[in-house]
Protein backbone atom coordinates (compact mmCIF):
# COMPACT_ATOMS: atom_id res chain seq x y z
CA MET A 1 80.21 -11.07 -62.75
CA ILE A 2 80.18 -14.92 -61.41
CA LYS A 3 79.82 -15.82 -57.48
CA LYS A 4 83.20 -17.06 -55.55
CA LEU A 5 81.47 -20.10 -53.70
CA ILE A 6 84.38 -22.63 -52.91
CA TYR A 7 87.50 -23.01 -52.10
CA GLN A 8 90.78 -24.73 -52.99
CA PRO A 9 90.61 -28.45 -51.50
CA LEU A 10 94.36 -29.22 -52.09
CA LYS A 11 97.43 -27.25 -51.33
CA PRO A 12 99.84 -26.96 -53.84
CA PHE A 13 97.14 -26.46 -56.48
CA ARG A 14 98.09 -27.51 -59.54
CA ILE A 15 95.69 -28.37 -62.35
CA ASN A 16 96.57 -31.33 -64.63
CA GLN A 17 93.52 -31.54 -66.62
CA ARG A 18 91.27 -28.48 -67.27
CA PHE A 19 87.64 -28.54 -67.49
CA GLY A 20 86.41 -29.58 -70.90
CA GLU A 21 89.71 -30.89 -72.37
CA ASN A 22 89.42 -34.36 -73.64
CA ASP A 23 93.10 -35.93 -74.03
CA ALA A 24 92.28 -39.08 -72.09
CA CYS A 25 91.33 -42.68 -73.95
CA VAL A 26 90.17 -45.97 -72.10
CA SER A 27 90.50 -49.79 -73.54
CA LEU A 28 87.74 -51.10 -75.27
CA ASP A 29 89.09 -54.41 -74.29
CA GLY A 30 87.50 -54.58 -71.00
CA LYS A 31 90.61 -54.03 -69.18
CA ASN A 32 89.72 -50.47 -68.80
CA LYS A 33 93.67 -49.31 -69.69
CA VAL A 34 93.48 -45.33 -69.61
CA ILE A 35 95.90 -43.64 -71.90
CA THR A 36 96.64 -40.19 -72.57
CA CYS A 37 95.53 -39.58 -76.06
CA ASN A 38 93.18 -37.09 -78.36
CA GLY A 39 89.74 -38.17 -77.03
CA TYR A 40 87.92 -36.61 -80.20
CA ASN A 41 90.23 -38.72 -82.13
CA PRO A 42 90.99 -41.97 -80.37
CA PRO A 43 93.75 -44.55 -81.33
CA ALA A 44 92.16 -47.85 -82.44
CA GLY A 45 91.29 -49.87 -79.84
CA TYR A 46 90.43 -47.11 -77.02
CA LYS A 47 87.34 -44.57 -77.28
CA SER A 48 87.24 -41.11 -75.38
CA LEU A 49 87.36 -41.51 -71.35
CA TYR A 50 84.67 -38.38 -71.23
CA GLY A 51 83.15 -38.34 -74.34
CA THR A 52 81.85 -35.43 -77.24
CA LEU A 53 82.05 -33.09 -74.18
CA GLY A 54 85.34 -33.52 -73.13
CA HIS A 55 86.20 -33.43 -69.30
CA ARG A 56 83.61 -32.31 -67.21
CA ALA A 57 85.69 -31.45 -64.02
CA VAL A 58 89.27 -30.36 -63.05
CA ASP A 59 91.95 -32.89 -62.20
CA LEU A 60 94.36 -31.73 -59.32
CA ALA A 61 97.91 -33.05 -59.56
CA ALA A 62 98.23 -34.77 -55.78
CA TYR A 63 100.26 -37.59 -54.09
CA HIS A 64 98.98 -40.76 -53.00
CA GLY A 65 97.54 -40.59 -49.70
CA GLN A 66 97.05 -36.33 -50.00
CA GLU A 67 94.72 -34.87 -47.62
CA LEU A 68 92.00 -33.07 -49.09
CA TYR A 69 89.52 -30.57 -47.61
CA ALA A 70 85.73 -29.63 -48.28
CA ALA A 71 85.58 -26.52 -50.60
CA GLN A 72 82.53 -24.88 -48.78
CA ASP A 73 80.18 -26.02 -45.85
CA GLY A 74 77.22 -28.62 -47.21
CA VAL A 75 76.12 -31.89 -46.29
CA VAL A 76 77.67 -34.91 -47.49
CA TYR A 77 75.00 -36.72 -49.50
CA MET A 78 76.63 -39.82 -51.25
CA ILE A 79 79.72 -42.01 -50.79
CA ASP A 80 80.09 -44.14 -53.46
CA THR A 81 82.30 -46.53 -55.10
CA ASN A 82 82.13 -47.70 -58.65
CA PRO A 83 84.62 -48.73 -61.80
CA ARG A 84 84.93 -45.48 -63.61
CA THR A 85 85.26 -42.80 -60.39
CA GLY A 86 86.43 -45.31 -57.74
CA LEU A 87 86.07 -43.74 -54.05
CA ASP A 88 84.33 -40.83 -54.07
CA VAL A 89 82.56 -38.28 -51.53
CA ARG A 90 79.71 -35.99 -52.56
CA ILE A 91 78.37 -32.59 -50.81
CA GLU A 92 75.68 -30.61 -51.30
CA SER A 93 75.66 -26.85 -50.61
CA PHE A 94 73.82 -23.68 -50.78
CA VAL A 95 75.73 -20.43 -50.62
CA ASP A 96 74.23 -16.71 -51.50
CA GLY A 97 70.96 -18.63 -53.13
CA VAL A 98 72.73 -20.63 -55.25
CA ARG A 99 72.39 -25.01 -54.70
CA PHE A 100 75.64 -26.53 -55.79
CA ARG A 101 77.90 -29.87 -55.59
CA HIS A 102 80.99 -30.41 -54.97
CA ILE A 103 82.36 -33.99 -55.78
CA TYR A 104 85.57 -35.43 -54.78
CA GLU A 105 86.62 -38.82 -57.01
CA HIS A 106 89.39 -41.78 -57.10
CA LEU A 107 89.95 -41.41 -53.53
CA MET A 108 91.75 -43.91 -50.86
CA GLY A 109 89.50 -43.36 -48.04
CA TYR A 110 87.25 -40.73 -46.46
CA GLN A 111 86.90 -39.13 -42.87
CA VAL A 112 83.28 -38.24 -43.41
CA LYS A 113 79.69 -40.24 -43.30
CA ILE A 114 76.62 -39.86 -45.75
CA GLY A 115 74.12 -36.91 -43.66
CA SER A 116 77.78 -35.52 -42.01
CA THR A 117 77.55 -31.50 -42.07
CA VAL A 118 80.87 -30.40 -43.02
CA LYS A 119 82.53 -26.98 -42.99
CA ALA A 120 84.55 -25.58 -45.38
CA GLY A 121 88.86 -26.67 -44.97
CA ASP A 122 87.37 -29.57 -42.85
CA LEU A 123 89.11 -32.48 -43.74
CA ILE A 124 86.95 -35.37 -45.79
CA GLY A 125 89.83 -37.69 -47.00
CA TRP A 126 92.87 -38.57 -48.78
CA THR A 127 93.46 -39.07 -52.60
CA ASP A 128 94.33 -42.02 -54.52
CA ASN A 129 94.34 -43.85 -57.78
CA THR A 130 90.83 -45.48 -57.66
CA GLY A 131 88.47 -46.31 -60.93
CA TYR A 132 89.43 -45.22 -64.17
CA SER A 133 92.70 -43.30 -63.52
CA ALA A 134 96.06 -42.97 -64.64
CA GLY A 135 97.87 -42.15 -61.67
CA ASP A 136 97.18 -40.46 -58.27
CA HIS A 137 94.99 -36.91 -58.58
CA LEU A 138 91.87 -35.72 -57.64
CA HIS A 139 89.07 -35.22 -59.79
CA PHE A 140 87.17 -32.33 -58.66
CA GLN A 141 83.45 -32.05 -60.09
CA MET A 142 81.20 -29.02 -59.54
CA GLU A 143 77.59 -28.77 -60.65
CA ILE A 144 75.12 -26.10 -59.95
CA LEU A 145 70.81 -26.34 -59.76
CA VAL A 146 69.41 -25.14 -62.96
CA GLY A 147 65.79 -25.11 -62.07
CA LYS A 148 65.28 -29.05 -61.53
CA GLU A 149 68.53 -29.97 -63.61
CA TRP A 150 72.19 -30.52 -61.86
CA VAL A 151 74.42 -28.73 -64.64
CA LYS A 152 77.96 -29.42 -64.58
CA VAL A 153 80.43 -26.13 -64.58
CA ASP A 154 83.94 -25.18 -64.67
CA PRO A 155 84.93 -25.04 -60.52
CA LEU A 156 87.90 -22.48 -61.12
CA LEU A 157 85.21 -20.43 -62.48
CA TYR A 158 83.44 -20.30 -58.71
CA MET A 159 86.73 -20.49 -56.83
CA GLU A 160 88.50 -18.39 -54.57
CA PRO A 161 92.29 -18.26 -54.89
CA LEU A 162 92.45 -19.56 -51.05
CA PHE A 163 93.14 -23.11 -49.92
CA ALA A 164 90.17 -24.43 -47.92
CA LEU A 165 91.94 -25.17 -44.69
CA ASP A 166 93.64 -21.32 -44.68
CA TYR A 167 90.33 -20.06 -44.90
CA LYS A 168 89.14 -22.51 -41.79
CA GLY A 169 91.75 -21.21 -40.22
CA TYR A 170 90.94 -17.53 -41.06
CA VAL A 171 87.09 -18.09 -39.74
CA SER A 172 88.37 -18.91 -36.58
CA LYS A 173 90.43 -16.07 -35.97
CA ILE A 174 87.54 -13.87 -36.85
CA ALA A 175 85.11 -15.33 -34.79
CA TYR A 176 87.94 -15.35 -31.43
CA LEU A 177 88.33 -11.70 -32.44
CA LYS A 178 84.66 -11.29 -32.22
CA GLU A 179 84.21 -12.94 -29.35
CA TYR A 180 87.24 -10.89 -27.33
CA VAL A 181 85.79 -7.43 -28.71
CA ALA A 182 82.70 -8.80 -27.24
CA ARG A 183 83.82 -9.44 -23.83
CA LEU A 184 86.03 -6.19 -24.17
CA MET A 185 82.96 -4.24 -24.71
CA ASP A 186 80.98 -6.16 -22.03
CA SER A 187 83.12 -5.27 -19.42
CA MET A 188 83.69 -1.89 -20.63
CA ALA A 189 79.77 -1.22 -20.22
CA TYR A 190 79.99 -2.77 -16.88
CA LYS A 191 82.25 -0.95 -15.47
CA LEU A 192 80.33 2.27 -16.79
CA ARG A 193 77.04 0.88 -15.48
CA THR A 194 78.87 0.31 -11.71
CA LYS A 195 80.71 3.94 -11.43
């Protein structure tokens, strides 16, 4: 059974493209026009955007500037911009003995900085259409450290069906209840000692 390590970074959670699919091509003319196509058999003048392995992440539907949240606690190890991925934020986590990365691409902006510690449900940025992209969305990628190699995996296999911001709210409520019960128990113990 696969451990559930992450939470949904967007709400509503709608998948535009699944892990392994290969239905996007980029033009060979240097203009980087992205079209929907069969990447295993691209039309003349185009090549697969993802290569022979297909899409190595999930694309999530998003509107322009939609807030996105950290899928798990971790440390921001990179904020990057390049022609392919656009602006992206990369976070490394360690949960239940598993070291992994979650990567958020095609962003408009970000709320974190390199070296920041984030908690699941913290605001990390806003969605956009930067890089090789055919519309506003979030490219959400997950890599697990296997030996000394980072291996791209399907994030859906490791994802709880719970929005990260909702998870953060539950954690806060549980912490409050634990603190309340502890104070109540301390008060009762004090009363018993002073009788």
